Amino acid sequence: MTIDVVSTSKDVAGASHPAGWQRPRGDPSLMDVFRSIPVSAKATPWRKFLTFLGPGYLVAVGYMDPGNWATSLAGGAQFGYTLLVVALVSNIMAIILQSLCARLAIATGRDLAQACRDAYPRWASWPLWIFAELAICATDLAEVIGTAIGLNLLFGIPLEIGVLITALDVFVILWLQTRGFRWIEAFIITLLGVIVVCFAIQIALADPDWGQVIRGFAPTTDIITNPTMLYLALGIIGATVMPHNLYLHSGIVQTRAYGGSLPEKRDALKYATLDSTVALMFALTINAAILILAAATFYKTGQNTVSELGRAHELLAPLLGASIAPSLFAIALLCCGLNSTVTATMAGQIVMEGFIDLKLPAWLRRLVTRLVAIIPAIVVTIVYGEAQTGKLLILSQVILSFQLPFAIVPLVMFTASRKKMGELVAPRWLTASAFVIAAIIIALNIKLLFDVAFG
């Protein structure tokens, strides 16, 4: 690691650091919006909460993207309400890990990708960068295909054309960022509101057995012993606790211009954690709603093989007895896809800048990130067509689960280091919880590999 020794105790954002602190080379990621939202030290607690409100919802988008739809639809159709407990546990994991991301960013002024570049030699940091890019590729594959399916269901646009249309999100991001980062947050939250309305109506039409829903949140050993259920459970974990969200959150938290003193950093950490926790509980309700809808419609009527988004769309009207149900499903899917492609593109920018400090014009940087996803998505849709997209979406989420340890382990190590974090070092109970989460994910991955290898 190459560093500059500085004679001052403040960084470019005015943050103070312990004596002897050394500033790593390289500008912060997302420099055009870095510290762009002022935080008033004299504001009331409510106003401060509103100031920090936003990044958590961008992160929450990744927890309800089209990949989640595929795994939740398949899980609900095959096993009813049983896998609701997996969605709940995954969400608890996400809350803990995202709080560590905010802690890392606020304590060090570095996002997770930059922290990896600072801490590890190139032979270690570059493979981590490649793994992060692969995770974003798998994420984007799900989101691009999901958006294309949404366009197809609503407007009859062929999947191949729909995939190309998703490239336009590059220009949406560019335009929104010229208006300010708050515009991106408002765009995302507005689409989330549309999704909530769509699912609220569909759940009301489905009229699920709420007793079974509550029992679905109780754990069962079948999830471990049944290989098919374990595969879907891993898919749900991979679709919920997403590697790119860890990089994204540690970057966009730094759009707030909080002060550099320890009390101001503690204040920022409190409100950033509250923001992400509330947003992720919101994401849980959407994920649970997708699984409940599948269980109350497909599982209940014996349609146990539904995993394709298009097939789910076709069956909703006759099963729910309302012609508006398929349209609501398609609108919600399109909103999820649009939201997810925007946030995944931003995560790609953070990863590219953070790990390899690659300096490109903003439009080119985003276009390259998007093309990395669009090219495989086009190949997949041409070769396999819509009939196999559900299986590919689930597979992409399982791939994400295998990528998770490469992001979680460095995150836990950094936030447990007093040398890096100073007074904001993670408490031992939080580090222990994150360590257990990493161990569970790694163990489940090994179990799945064993099952696949030995039938």
Protein backbone atom coordinates (compact mmCIF):
# COMPACT_ATOMS: atom_id res chain seq x y z
CA MET A 1 0.00 0.00 0.00
CA THR A 2 1.34 3.44 -0.96
CA ILE A 3 0.35 6.31 1.29
CA ASP A 4 1.02 9.99 1.75
CA VAL A 5 2.22 11.15 5.14
CA VAL A 6 0.33 14.32 5.94
CA SER A 7 1.17 16.91 8.54
CA THR A 8 -2.42 17.79 9.36
CA SER A 9 -4.95 15.73 11.31
CA LYS A 10 -7.79 16.45 8.88
CA ASP A 11 -8.70 14.82 5.58
CA VAL A 12 -10.14 16.45 2.46
CA ALA A 13 -13.62 16.38 3.98
CA GLY A 14 -12.50 18.08 7.18
CA ALA A 15 -12.67 14.91 9.28
CA SER A 16 -10.25 14.71 12.20
CA HIS A 17 -8.15 11.60 12.86
CA PRO A 18 -5.80 10.29 15.55
CA ALA A 19 -2.23 11.58 15.68
CA GLY A 20 -0.01 9.91 13.12
CA TRP A 21 -2.93 9.25 10.79
CA GLN A 22 -1.89 8.86 7.14
CA ARG A 23 -4.17 9.64 4.22
CA PRO A 24 -4.25 7.00 1.47
CA ARG A 25 -3.84 8.22 -2.06
CA GLY A 26 -6.83 8.51 -4.32
CA ASP A 27 -10.01 10.55 -4.26
CA PRO A 28 -13.19 9.21 -2.63
CA SER A 29 -15.52 7.21 -4.85
CA LEU A 30 -18.54 9.04 -6.28
CA MET A 31 -16.54 12.25 -6.01
CA ASP A 32 -19.22 14.26 -7.81
CA VAL A 33 -21.65 13.72 -4.90
CA PHE A 34 -19.16 13.19 -2.05
CA ARG A 35 -20.17 15.27 1.03
CA SER A 36 -22.72 17.09 -1.16
CA ILE A 37 -25.62 17.02 1.34
CA PRO A 38 -25.05 19.38 4.29
CA VAL A 39 -25.72 18.20 7.85
CA SER A 40 -26.55 20.95 10.32
CA ALA A 41 -25.02 20.45 13.76
CA LYS A 42 -27.85 22.54 15.25
CA ALA A 43 -30.70 20.59 13.64
CA THR A 44 -33.27 18.77 15.78
CA PRO A 45 -33.02 14.95 15.95
CA TRP A 46 -35.97 14.64 13.56
CA ARG A 47 -34.37 16.96 11.00
CA LYS A 48 -31.09 15.05 11.29
CA PHE A 49 -32.92 11.78 10.69
CA LEU A 50 -34.52 13.27 7.57
CA THR A 51 -31.10 14.49 6.40
CA PHE A 52 -29.69 10.97 6.63
CA LEU A 53 -32.86 9.41 5.18
CA GLY A 54 -32.12 8.01 1.71
CA PRO A 55 -29.02 5.81 1.43
CA GLY A 56 -30.77 3.00 3.31
CA TYR A 57 -33.52 2.90 0.69
CA LEU A 58 -31.00 2.72 -2.14
CA VAL A 59 -29.49 -0.24 -0.31
CA ALA A 60 -32.96 -1.75 0.30
CA VAL A 61 -33.55 -1.78 -3.46
CA GLY A 62 -30.98 -4.55 -3.78
CA TYR A 63 -32.94 -6.62 -1.28
CA MET A 64 -36.08 -6.71 -3.43
CA ASP A 65 -34.67 -6.89 -6.97
CA PRO A 66 -35.92 -9.31 -9.68
CA GLY A 67 -33.54 -12.00 -8.40
CA ASN A 68 -35.44 -11.92 -5.09
CA TRP A 69 -38.67 -12.26 -7.02
CA ALA A 70 -37.48 -15.43 -8.74
CA THR A 71 -36.26 -17.11 -5.54
CA SER A 72 -39.29 -16.03 -3.50
CA LEU A 73 -41.76 -17.11 -6.19
CA ALA A 74 -40.08 -20.51 -6.51
CA GLY A 75 -39.85 -20.91 -2.73
CA GLY A 76 -43.48 -19.97 -2.13
CA ALA A 77 -44.77 -22.12 -5.00
CA GLN A 78 -42.81 -25.24 -3.93
CA PHE A 79 -42.86 -25.02 -0.14
CA GLY A 80 -45.65 -22.61 0.78
CA TYR A 81 -44.82 -20.35 3.71
CA THR A 82 -41.93 -22.49 5.03
CA LEU A 83 -39.11 -20.29 3.69
CA LEU A 84 -40.42 -17.09 5.27
CA VAL A 85 -38.03 -17.78 8.15
CA VAL A 86 -35.12 -17.67 5.67
CA ALA A 87 -36.26 -14.24 4.45
CA LEU A 88 -36.41 -13.06 8.09
CA VAL A 89 -32.98 -14.43 9.03
CA SER A 90 -31.48 -13.03 5.84
CA ASN A 91 -32.89 -9.63 6.68
CA ILE A 92 -31.39 -9.72 10.19
CA MET A 93 -28.03 -10.63 8.61
CA ALA A 94 -28.41 -7.70 6.23
CA ILE A 95 -29.18 -5.21 9.00
CA ILE A 96 -26.05 -6.22 10.93
CA LEU A 97 -23.75 -6.17 7.88
CA GLN A 98 -25.07 -2.87 6.53
CA SER A 99 -24.57 -1.25 9.94
CA LEU A 100 -20.92 -2.33 9.71
CA CYS A 101 -20.66 -0.72 6.26
CA ALA A 102 -21.90 2.59 7.62
CA ARG A 103 -19.52 2.28 10.58
CA LEU A 104 -16.53 1.64 8.30
CA ALA A 105 -17.34 4.60 6.05
CA ILE A 106 -17.98 7.09 8.84
CA ALA A 107 -14.99 6.03 10.96
CA THR A 108 -12.40 5.90 8.17
CA GLY A 109 -13.81 7.99 5.32
CA ARG A 110 -13.20 5.02 3.02
CA ASP A 111 -15.67 2.69 1.35
CA LEU A 112 -15.20 -1.08 1.53
CA ALA A 113 -13.48 -1.31 -1.86
CA GLN A 114 -10.99 1.45 -0.95
CA ALA A 115 -10.38 -0.15 2.44
CA CYS A 116 -9.48 -3.43 0.72
CA ARG A 117 -7.11 -1.61 -1.64
CA ASP A 118 -5.49 0.20 1.29
CA ALA A 119 -5.07 -2.92 3.43
CA TYR A 120 -4.07 -5.66 1.02
CA PRO A 121 -1.24 -6.09 -1.49
CA ARG A 122 -2.21 -6.11 -5.15
CA TRP A 123 -2.07 -9.91 -5.41
CA ALA A 124 -4.87 -10.08 -2.84
CA SER A 125 -6.90 -6.96 -3.64
CA TRP A 126 -7.17 -7.62 -7.38
CA PRO A 127 -8.80 -11.07 -6.96
CA LEU A 128 -11.22 -9.44 -4.50
CA TRP A 129 -11.98 -6.83 -7.17
CA ILE A 130 -12.63 -9.58 -9.74
CA PHE A 131 -14.95 -11.38 -7.31
CA ALA A 132 -16.79 -8.11 -6.66
CA GLU A 133 -17.20 -7.52 -10.39
CA LEU A 134 -18.51 -11.08 -10.83
CA ALA A 135 -21.05 -10.46 -8.08
CA ILE A 136 -22.19 -7.24 -9.77
CA CYS A 137 -22.38 -9.13 -13.07
CA ALA A 138 -24.67 -11.74 -11.47
CA THR A 139 -26.71 -8.96 -9.85
CA ASP A 140 -27.03 -7.04 -13.10
CA LEU A 141 -27.95 -10.17 -15.02
CA ALA A 142 -30.95 -10.65 -12.74
CA GLU A 143 -31.91 -6.99 -12.80
CA VAL A 144 -31.53 -6.47 -16.54
CA ILE A 145 -33.51 -9.62 -17.33
CA GLY A 146 -36.16 -8.66 -14.75
CA THR A 147 -36.55 -5.18 -16.25
CA ALA A 148 -36.76 -6.66 -19.76
CA ILE A 149 -39.45 -9.11 -18.61
CA GLY A 150 -41.37 -6.22 -17.02
CA LEU A 151 -41.26 -4.28 -20.30
CA ASN A 152 -42.34 -7.41 -22.16
CA LEU A 153 -45.29 -8.08 -19.86
CA LEU A 154 -46.53 -4.48 -19.92
CA PHE A 155 -45.80 -3.38 -23.49
CA GLY A 156 -45.02 -6.56 -25.43
CA ILE A 157 -41.42 -5.48 -26.10
CA PRO A 158 -39.19 -8.47 -27.05
CA LEU A 159 -36.73 -9.46 -24.33
CA GLU A 160 -33.67 -8.72 -26.48
CA ILE A 161 -34.87 -5.15 -27.14
CA GLY A 162 -35.88 -4.73 -23.50
CA VAL A 163 -32.36 -5.65 -22.39
CA LEU A 164 -30.92 -2.93 -24.63
CA ILE A 165 -33.42 -0.38 -23.28
CA THR A 166 -32.04 -0.95 -19.78
CA ALA A 167 -28.84 0.77 -20.95
CA LEU A 168 -30.77 4.04 -20.77
CA ASP A 169 -30.46 3.99 -16.97
CA VAL A 170 -26.95 5.37 -17.53
CA PHE A 171 -28.43 8.58 -18.81
CA VAL A 172 -31.09 8.64 -16.08
CA ILE A 173 -28.36 8.51 -13.42
CA LEU A 174 -26.32 11.19 -15.16
CA TRP A 175 -29.29 13.53 -15.39
CA LEU A 176 -30.40 12.91 -11.81
CA GLN A 177 -26.89 13.48 -10.45
CA THR A 178 -26.72 16.85 -12.21
CA ARG A 179 -29.78 17.75 -10.14
CA GLY A 180 -28.19 16.46 -6.93
CA PHE A 181 -28.01 13.15 -5.07
CA ARG A 182 -31.31 13.87 -3.33
CA TRP A 183 -33.03 13.54 -6.73
CA ILE A 184 -31.71 9.99 -7.11
CA GLU A 185 -32.99 9.15 -3.63
CA ALA A 186 -36.39 10.69 -4.41
CA PHE A 187 -36.61 8.72 -7.67
CA ILE A 188 -35.83 5.46 -5.88
CA ILE A 189 -38.23 6.07 -2.97
CA THR A 190 -41.07 7.05 -5.34
CA LEU A 191 -40.74 3.78 -7.25
CA LEU A 192 -40.62 1.88 -3.93
CA GLY A 193 -43.94 3.51 -3.03
CA VAL A 194 -45.48 2.24 -6.29
CA ILE A 195 -44.23 -1.29 -5.50
CA VAL A 196 -45.82 -1.19 -2.04
CA VAL A 197 -49.21 -0.17 -3.44
CA CYS A 198 -49.10 -2.91 -6.10
CA PHE A 199 -48.31 -5.65 -3.58
CA ALA A 200 -50.78 -4.41 -0.98
CA ILE A 201 -53.59 -4.81 -3.53
CA GLN A 202 -52.37 -8.24 -4.67
CA ILE A 203 -52.04 -9.58 -1.12
CA ALA A 204 -55.56 -8.33 -0.34
CA LEU A 205 -56.85 -10.18 -3.42
CA ALA A 206 -54.92 -13.37 -2.52
CA ASP A 207 -56.33 -13.46 1.04
CA PRO A 208 -53.57 -15.69 2.52
CA ASP A 209 -53.93 -17.86 5.61
CA TRP A 210 -52.34 -15.52 8.16
CA GLY A 211 -51.96 -18.32 10.71
CA GLN A 212 -49.80 -20.21 8.22
CA VAL A 213 -47.92 -16.99 7.47
CA ILE A 214 -47.00 -16.55 11.15
CA ARG A 215 -45.94 -20.22 11.41
CA GLY A 216 -43.77 -19.73 8.32
CA PHE A 217 -41.46 -17.51 10.37
CA ALA A 218 -40.63 -20.43 12.70
CA PRO A 219 -37.42 -22.35 11.83
CA THR A 220 -37.44 -25.95 10.59
CA THR A 221 -34.65 -28.49 10.03
CA ASP A 222 -36.13 -29.35 6.63
CA ILE A 223 -34.36 -26.32 5.21
CA ILE A 224 -31.00 -27.97 5.87
CA THR A 225 -31.90 -31.59 5.16
CA ASN A 226 -33.88 -31.03 1.94
CA PRO A 227 -31.35 -30.24 -0.86
CA THR A 228 -33.96 -28.47 -3.04
CA MET A 229 -35.10 -26.34 -0.13
CA LEU A 230 -31.48 -25.60 0.80
CA TYR A 231 -30.74 -24.50 -2.79
CA LEU A 232 -33.66 -22.07 -2.71
CA ALA A 233 -32.73 -20.94 0.82
CA LEU A 234 -29.21 -20.13 -0.38
CA GLY A 235 -30.75 -18.31 -3.32
CA ILE A 236 -32.87 -16.24 -0.94
CA ILE A 237 -29.79 -15.46 1.20
CA GLY A 238 -27.78 -14.55 -1.89
CA ALA A 239 -30.64 -12.44 -3.20
CA THR A 240 -31.10 -10.70 0.15
CA VAL A 241 -27.58 -10.22 1.55
CA MET A 242 -25.98 -9.01 -1.68
CA PRO A 243 -22.23 -8.34 -1.96
CA HIS A 244 -22.62 -5.21 -4.09
CA ASN A 245 -24.82 -3.62 -1.41
CA LEU A 246 -21.93 -3.73 1.07
CA TYR A 247 -19.78 -1.68 -1.31
CA LEU A 248 -22.69 0.58 -2.26
CA HIS A 249 -23.70 1.52 1.29
CA SER A 250 -20.15 2.28 2.40
CA GLY A 251 -19.90 4.69 -0.54
CA ILE A 252 -23.24 6.54 -0.51
CA VAL A 253 -23.25 7.13 3.25
CA GLN A 254 -20.46 9.59 2.50
CA THR A 255 -22.76 11.81 0.46
CA ARG A 256 -23.64 13.43 3.82
CA ALA A 257 -21.35 16.24 4.95
CA TYR A 258 -21.22 15.26 8.62
CA GLY A 259 -18.52 16.80 10.78
CA GLY A 260 -15.15 15.32 11.62
CA SER A 261 -15.27 15.33 15.41
CA LEU A 262 -15.96 12.12 17.32
CA PRO A 263 -19.39 13.27 18.64
CA GLU A 264 -20.43 14.28 15.11
CA LYS A 265 -19.29 10.94 13.72
CA ARG A 266 -21.18 9.07 16.44
CA ASP A 267 -24.26 11.12 15.56
CA ALA A 268 -23.85 10.33 11.87
CA LEU A 269 -23.42 6.61 12.61
CA LYS A 270 -26.57 6.56 14.73
CA TYR A 271 -28.76 8.15 12.06
CA ALA A 272 -27.19 6.22 9.16
CA THR A 273 -27.78 2.93 10.99
CA LEU A 274 -31.35 3.91 11.82
CA ASP A 275 -31.94 4.81 8.17
CA SER A 276 -30.67 1.46 6.85
CA THR A 277 -32.47 -0.57 9.54
CA VAL A 278 -35.86 1.01 8.83
CA ALA A 279 -35.33 0.66 5.08
CA LEU A 280 -34.36 -3.01 5.35
CA MET A 281 -37.41 -3.81 7.45
CA PHE A 282 -39.39 -2.22 4.64
CA ALA A 283 -37.56 -4.50 2.17
CA LEU A 284 -38.47 -7.52 4.32
CA THR A 285 -42.16 -6.74 3.96
CA ILE A 286 -41.82 -6.68 0.15
CA ASN A 287 -39.83 -9.94 0.03
CA ALA A 288 -42.27 -11.61 2.40
CA ALA A 289 -45.17 -10.30 0.29
CA ILE A 290 -43.75 -11.94 -2.86
CA LEU A 291 -43.36 -15.29 -1.08
CA ILE A 292 -46.79 -15.01 0.58
CA LEU A 293 -48.41 -14.18 -2.76
CA ALA A 294 -46.79 -17.25 -4.36
CA ALA A 295 -47.82 -19.49 -1.47
CA ALA A 296 -51.39 -18.19 -1.35
CA THR A 297 -51.92 -18.57 -5.10
CA PHE A 298 -49.58 -21.14 -6.67
CA TYR A 299 -48.81 -23.50 -3.75
CA LYS A 300 -52.43 -23.47 -2.62
CA THR A 301 -53.66 -24.51 -6.09
CA GLY A 302 -50.93 -27.10 -6.75
CA GLN A 303 -48.93 -24.93 -9.16
CA ASN A 304 -45.66 -25.97 -7.51
CA THR A 305 -43.29 -25.44 -10.44
CA VAL A 306 -43.82 -21.71 -10.96
CA SER A 307 -40.51 -19.83 -10.99
CA GLU A 308 -40.74 -17.95 -14.29
CA LEU A 309 -41.88 -14.36 -13.83
CA GLY A 310 -43.84 -14.50 -17.09
CA ARG A 311 -45.72 -17.65 -16.05
CA ALA A 312 -46.55 -16.13 -12.66
CA HIS A 313 -47.94 -13.11 -14.48
CA GLU A 314 -50.19 -15.32 -16.66
CA LEU A 315 -51.60 -17.29 -13.73
CA LEU A 316 -52.43 -14.41 -11.38
CA ALA A 317 -55.62 -13.25 -13.12
CA PRO A 318 -57.42 -16.65 -13.13
CA LEU A 319 -56.20 -17.54 -9.63
CA LEU A 320 -57.02 -14.21 -8.01
CA GLY A 321 -60.14 -13.56 -10.08
CA ALA A 322 -59.11 -9.98 -10.90
CA SER A 323 -57.90 -8.78 -14.30
CA ILE A 324 -55.85 -6.01 -12.71
CA ALA A 325 -53.59 -8.46 -10.80
CA PRO A 326 -51.21 -9.27 -13.71
CA SER A 327 -50.77 -5.57 -14.51
CA LEU A 328 -49.96 -4.75 -10.88
CA PHE A 329 -47.42 -7.60 -10.87
CA ALA A 330 -45.76 -6.31 -14.06
CA ILE A 331 -45.70 -2.69 -12.87
CA ALA A 332 -44.08 -3.67 -9.57
CA LEU A 333 -41.53 -5.85 -11.40
CA LEU A 334 -40.62 -3.02 -13.78
CA CYS A 335 -40.21 -0.57 -10.88
CA CYS A 336 -37.99 -3.08 -9.05
CA GLY A 337 -35.89 -3.64 -12.17
CA LEU A 338 -35.43 0.09 -12.85
CA ASN A 339 -34.50 0.79 -9.25
CA SER A 340 -32.08 -2.11 -9.09
CA THR A 341 -30.25 -1.31 -12.31
CA VAL A 342 -29.66 2.26 -11.07
CA THR A 343 -28.20 1.18 -7.72
CA ALA A 344 -26.16 -1.68 -9.22
CA THR A 345 -24.60 0.75 -11.69
CA MET A 346 -23.59 3.01 -8.79
CA ALA A 347 -22.16 0.01 -6.92
CA GLY A 348 -20.13 -0.87 -10.02
CA GLN A 349 -18.71 2.62 -10.07
CA ILE A 350 -17.71 2.40 -6.39
CA VAL A 351 -16.06 -1.00 -6.91
CA MET A 352 -14.16 0.10 -10.02
CA GLU A 353 -12.91 3.33 -8.47
CA GLY A 354 -12.27 1.83 -5.05
CA PHE A 355 -10.32 -1.29 -5.96
CA ILE A 356 -8.29 -0.15 -8.97
CA ASP A 357 -8.63 3.66 -8.77
CA LEU A 358 -9.65 3.73 -12.44
CA LYS A 359 -10.34 7.30 -13.56
CA LEU A 360 -12.86 7.55 -16.40
CA PRO A 361 -15.40 10.21 -17.37
CA ALA A 362 -18.64 9.69 -15.44
CA TRP A 363 -20.73 8.72 -18.49
CA LEU A 364 -18.09 6.27 -19.79
CA ARG A 365 -17.57 4.71 -16.37
CA ARG A 366 -21.29 4.00 -16.02
CA LEU A 367 -21.62 2.81 -19.60
CA VAL A 368 -18.78 0.30 -19.14
CA THR A 369 -20.37 -0.97 -15.93
CA ARG A 370 -23.74 -1.39 -17.62
CA LEU A 371 -22.28 -3.14 -20.69
CA VAL A 372 -20.68 -5.73 -18.42
CA ALA A 373 -24.22 -6.79 -17.51
CA ILE A 374 -26.02 -6.18 -20.80
CA ILE A 375 -23.77 -8.36 -22.98
CA PRO A 376 -24.26 -11.60 -20.96
CA ALA A 377 -27.96 -10.75 -20.51
CA ILE A 378 -28.44 -10.48 -24.28
CA VAL A 379 -26.60 -13.78 -24.83
CA VAL A 380 -28.73 -15.49 -22.17
CA THR A 381 -32.04 -14.24 -23.57
CA ILE A 382 -31.11 -15.13 -27.17
CA VAL A 383 -29.80 -18.61 -26.32
CA TYR A 384 -32.34 -19.63 -23.67
CA GLY A 385 -35.27 -17.29 -24.25
CA GLU A 386 -37.90 -16.41 -21.67
CA ALA A 387 -38.66 -20.05 -20.81
CA GLN A 388 -35.44 -20.48 -18.79
CA THR A 389 -35.07 -17.01 -17.28
CA GLY A 390 -36.48 -18.06 -13.90
CA LYS A 391 -33.85 -20.77 -13.44
CA LEU A 392 -31.12 -18.37 -14.53
CA LEU A 393 -32.34 -15.73 -12.08
CA ILE A 394 -32.23 -18.25 -9.21
CA LEU A 395 -28.76 -19.45 -10.28
CA SER A 396 -27.50 -15.84 -10.34
CA GLN A 397 -28.63 -15.41 -6.73
CA VAL A 398 -26.88 -18.63 -5.63
CA ILE A 399 -23.70 -17.31 -7.28
CA LEU A 400 -24.09 -14.16 -5.18
CA SER A 401 -24.26 -16.28 -2.05
CA PHE A 402 -20.90 -17.85 -2.97
CA GLN A 403 -19.40 -14.37 -3.46
CA LEU A 404 -20.58 -13.07 -0.08
CA PRO A 405 -17.66 -14.30 2.09
CA PHE A 406 -15.18 -12.35 -0.05
CA ALA A 407 -16.93 -9.13 0.94
CA ILE A 408 -18.07 -10.01 4.46
CA VAL A 409 -14.75 -11.30 5.85
CA PRO A 410 -12.76 -8.11 5.03
CA LEU A 411 -15.65 -5.98 6.33
CA VAL A 412 -15.69 -7.80 9.68
CA MET A 413 -11.89 -7.66 9.98
CA PHE A 414 -11.71 -3.92 9.23
CA THR A 415 -14.49 -2.87 11.59
CA ALA A 416 -13.03 -5.01 14.40
CA SER A 417 -9.65 -3.25 14.14
CA ARG A 418 -9.18 -0.42 16.63
CA LYS A 419 -6.15 0.73 14.63
CA LYS A 420 -8.35 1.41 11.61
CA MET A 421 -11.56 2.46 13.35
CA GLY A 422 -10.33 4.33 16.41
CA GLU A 423 -13.10 5.00 18.93
CA LEU A 424 -15.73 3.81 16.45
CA VAL A 425 -14.42 0.23 16.43
CA ALA A 426 -17.30 -2.26 16.35
CA PRO A 427 -18.29 -3.59 19.78
CA ARG A 428 -17.38 -7.21 20.38
CA TRP A 429 -20.99 -8.45 20.29
CA LEU A 430 -21.45 -6.90 16.84
CA THR A 431 -18.21 -8.39 15.53
CA ALA A 432 -19.16 -11.78 16.96
CA SER A 433 -22.59 -11.60 15.32
CA ALA A 434 -21.05 -10.73 11.95
CA PHE A 435 -18.52 -13.54 12.34
CA VAL A 436 -21.35 -16.03 12.98
CA ILE A 437 -23.18 -14.74 9.88
CA ALA A 438 -20.06 -15.27 7.76
CA ALA A 439 -19.58 -18.75 9.21
CA ILE A 440 -23.22 -19.72 8.50
CA ILE A 441 -23.02 -18.55 4.88
CA ILE A 442 -19.71 -20.35 4.29
CA ALA A 443 -21.04 -23.55 5.91
CA LEU A 444 -24.22 -23.49 3.81
CA ASN A 445 -22.15 -22.98 0.67
CA ILE A 446 -19.95 -25.97 1.54
CA LYS A 447 -23.07 -28.06 2.24
CA LEU A 448 -24.54 -27.13 -1.15
CA LEU A 449 -21.29 -27.98 -2.95
CA PHE A 450 -21.18 -31.33 -1.15
CA ASP A 451 -24.78 -32.09 -2.15
CA VAL A 452 -24.10 -31.21 -5.79
CA ALA A 453 -20.83 -33.19 -5.91
CA PHE A 454 -22.23 -36.35 -4.29
CA GLY A 455 -25.83 -36.17 -5.48
